[in-house]
């Protein structure tokens, strides 16, 4: 089973003035974290724990199993 995660951006003000949201398709929290950590969104590794915290708190929606795990969209400031 796959989920669409709506994850709040983890970089605090002032580095990220308004925050943001990243949409990810993943099978579970760990895979979502790994996709964000290794994905196209660059970040400082000091935020690694904050990423997982936000993944756990993220809204998620059930998707069709055939969906590819990936970052679907990203809006960050």
C-alpha atoms as a PDB file:
ATOM      1  CA  UNK A   1       0.000   0.000   0.000  1.00  0.00           C
ATOM      2  CA  UNK A   2       1.272   3.482  -0.853  1.00  0.00           C
ATOM      3  CA  UNK A   3       0.436   6.824   0.726  1.00  0.00           C
ATOM      4  CA  UNK A   4       0.581  10.439  -0.343  1.00  0.00           C
ATOM      5  CA  UNK A   5       2.319  12.309   2.478  1.00  0.00           C
ATOM      6  CA  UNK A   6       1.854  16.068   2.838  1.00  0.00           C
ATOM      7  CA  UNK A   7       4.962  17.028   4.835  1.00  0.00           C
ATOM      8  CA  UNK A   8       5.568  20.465   6.353  1.00  0.00           C
ATOM      9  CA  UNK A   9       8.991  21.851   5.469  1.00  0.00           C
ATOM     10  CA  UNK A  10      11.389  21.364   8.372  1.00  0.00           C
ATOM     11  CA  UNK A  11      13.737  24.348   8.024  1.00  0.00           C
ATOM     12  CA  UNK A  12      12.771  27.048  10.558  1.00  0.00           C
ATOM     13  CA  UNK A  13      12.657  30.844  10.173  1.00  0.00           C
ATOM     14  CA  UNK A  14      14.813  32.770   9.230  1.00  0.00           C
ATOM     15  CA  UNK A  15      16.465  30.214   6.930  1.00  0.00           C
ATOM     16  CA  UNK A  16      13.045  29.441   5.504  1.00  0.00           C
ATOM     17  CA  UNK A  17      11.016  32.615   5.732  1.00  0.00           C
ATOM     18  CA  UNK A  18       7.549  31.118   5.227  1.00  0.00           C
ATOM     19  CA  UNK A  19       8.180  27.362   5.426  1.00  0.00           C
ATOM     20  CA  UNK A  20       6.609  25.186   2.810  1.00  0.00           C
ATOM     21  CA  UNK A  21       5.114  21.805   2.008  1.00  0.00           C
ATOM     22  CA  UNK A  22       6.450  18.754   0.174  1.00  0.00           C
ATOM     23  CA  UNK A  23       4.192  16.011  -1.240  1.00  0.00           C
ATOM     24  CA  UNK A  24       5.719  12.522  -1.293  1.00  0.00           C
ATOM     25  CA  UNK A  25       4.462   9.104  -2.353  1.00  0.00           C
ATOM     26  CA  UNK A  26       5.883   6.379  -0.088  1.00  0.00           C
ATOM     27  CA  UNK A  27       5.048   3.006   1.460  1.00  0.00           C
ATOM     28  CA  UNK A  28       5.800   4.052   5.046  1.00  0.00           C
ATOM     29  CA  UNK A  29       7.328   6.756   7.243  1.00  0.00           C
ATOM     30  CA  UNK A  30      10.883   5.458   6.841  1.00  0.00           C
ATOM     31  CA  UNK A  31      10.703   5.401   3.053  1.00  0.00           C
ATOM     32  CA  UNK A  32       9.179   8.893   3.034  1.00  0.00           C
ATOM     33  CA  UNK A  33      12.020  10.165   5.234  1.00  0.00           C
ATOM     34  CA  UNK A  34      14.636   8.545   2.998  1.00  0.00           C
ATOM     35  CA  UNK A  35      13.094  10.017  -0.162  1.00  0.00           C
ATOM     36  CA  UNK A  36      13.158  13.484   1.400  1.00  0.00           C
ATOM     37  CA  UNK A  37      16.692  13.068   2.765  1.00  0.00           C
ATOM     38  CA  UNK A  38      18.104  11.804  -0.540  1.00  0.00           C
ATOM     39  CA  UNK A  39      15.777  13.611  -2.937  1.00  0.00           C
ATOM     40  CA  UNK A  40      15.842  16.683  -5.075  1.00  0.00           C
ATOM     41  CA  UNK A  41      15.221  19.016  -2.117  1.00  0.00           C
ATOM     42  CA  UNK A  42      18.586  20.036  -0.676  1.00  0.00           C
ATOM     43  CA  UNK A  43      18.913  20.589   3.073  1.00  0.00           C
ATOM     44  CA  UNK A  44      21.439  20.715   5.885  1.00  0.00           C
ATOM     45  CA  UNK A  45      21.838  17.303   7.581  1.00  0.00           C
ATOM     46  CA  UNK A  46      21.325  18.925  11.005  1.00  0.00           C
ATOM     47  CA  UNK A  47      17.588  18.725  10.193  1.00  0.00           C
ATOM     48  CA  UNK A  48      17.521  14.923   9.784  1.00  0.00           C
ATOM     49  CA  UNK A  49      15.539  14.332  13.017  1.00  0.00           C
ATOM     50  CA  UNK A  50      13.161  17.179  12.199  1.00  0.00           C
ATOM     51  CA  UNK A  51      12.381  15.586   8.831  1.00  0.00           C
ATOM     52  CA  UNK A  52      11.263  12.349  10.501  1.00  0.00           C
ATOM     53  CA  UNK A  53       9.272  14.281  13.106  1.00  0.00           C
ATOM     54  CA  UNK A  54       7.383  16.088  10.335  1.00  0.00           C
ATOM     55  CA  UNK A  55       6.874  12.859   8.359  1.00  0.00           C
ATOM     56  CA  UNK A  56       5.247  11.222  11.398  1.00  0.00           C
ATOM     57  CA  UNK A  57       2.950  14.246  11.851  1.00  0.00           C
ATOM     58  CA  UNK A  58       2.129  14.542   8.139  1.00  0.00           C
ATOM     59  CA  UNK A  59      -1.329  14.061   6.686  1.00  0.00           C
ATOM     60  CA  UNK A  60      -1.412  10.952   4.525  1.00  0.00           C
ATOM     61  CA  UNK A  61      -3.826   9.577   1.992  1.00  0.00           C
ATOM     62  CA  UNK A  62      -4.049   5.997   0.692  1.00  0.00           C
ATOM     63  CA  UNK A  63      -3.070   5.563  -2.966  1.00  0.00           C
ATOM     64  CA  UNK A  64      -3.100   2.802  -5.550  1.00  0.00           C
ATOM     65  CA  UNK A  65      -0.268   0.305  -5.021  1.00  0.00           C
ATOM     66  CA  UNK A  66       0.972   0.938  -8.558  1.00  0.00           C
ATOM     67  CA  UNK A  67       2.165   4.463  -7.764  1.00  0.00           C
ATOM     68  CA  UNK A  68       5.926   5.046  -7.901  1.00  0.00           C
ATOM     69  CA  UNK A  69       7.562   6.250  -4.658  1.00  0.00           C
ATOM     70  CA  UNK A  70       8.849   9.784  -5.243  1.00  0.00           C
ATOM     71  CA  UNK A  71       8.590  13.490  -4.459  1.00  0.00           C
ATOM     72  CA  UNK A  72       5.463  14.663  -6.271  1.00  0.00           C
ATOM     73  CA  UNK A  73       5.722  18.384  -5.606  1.00  0.00           C
ATOM     74  CA  UNK A  74       7.651  20.823  -3.470  1.00  0.00           C
ATOM     75  CA  UNK A  75       7.017  24.403  -2.451  1.00  0.00           C
ATOM     76  CA  UNK A  76       9.506  25.857   0.011  1.00  0.00           C
ATOM     77  CA  UNK A  77      10.752  29.348   0.752  1.00  0.00           C
END
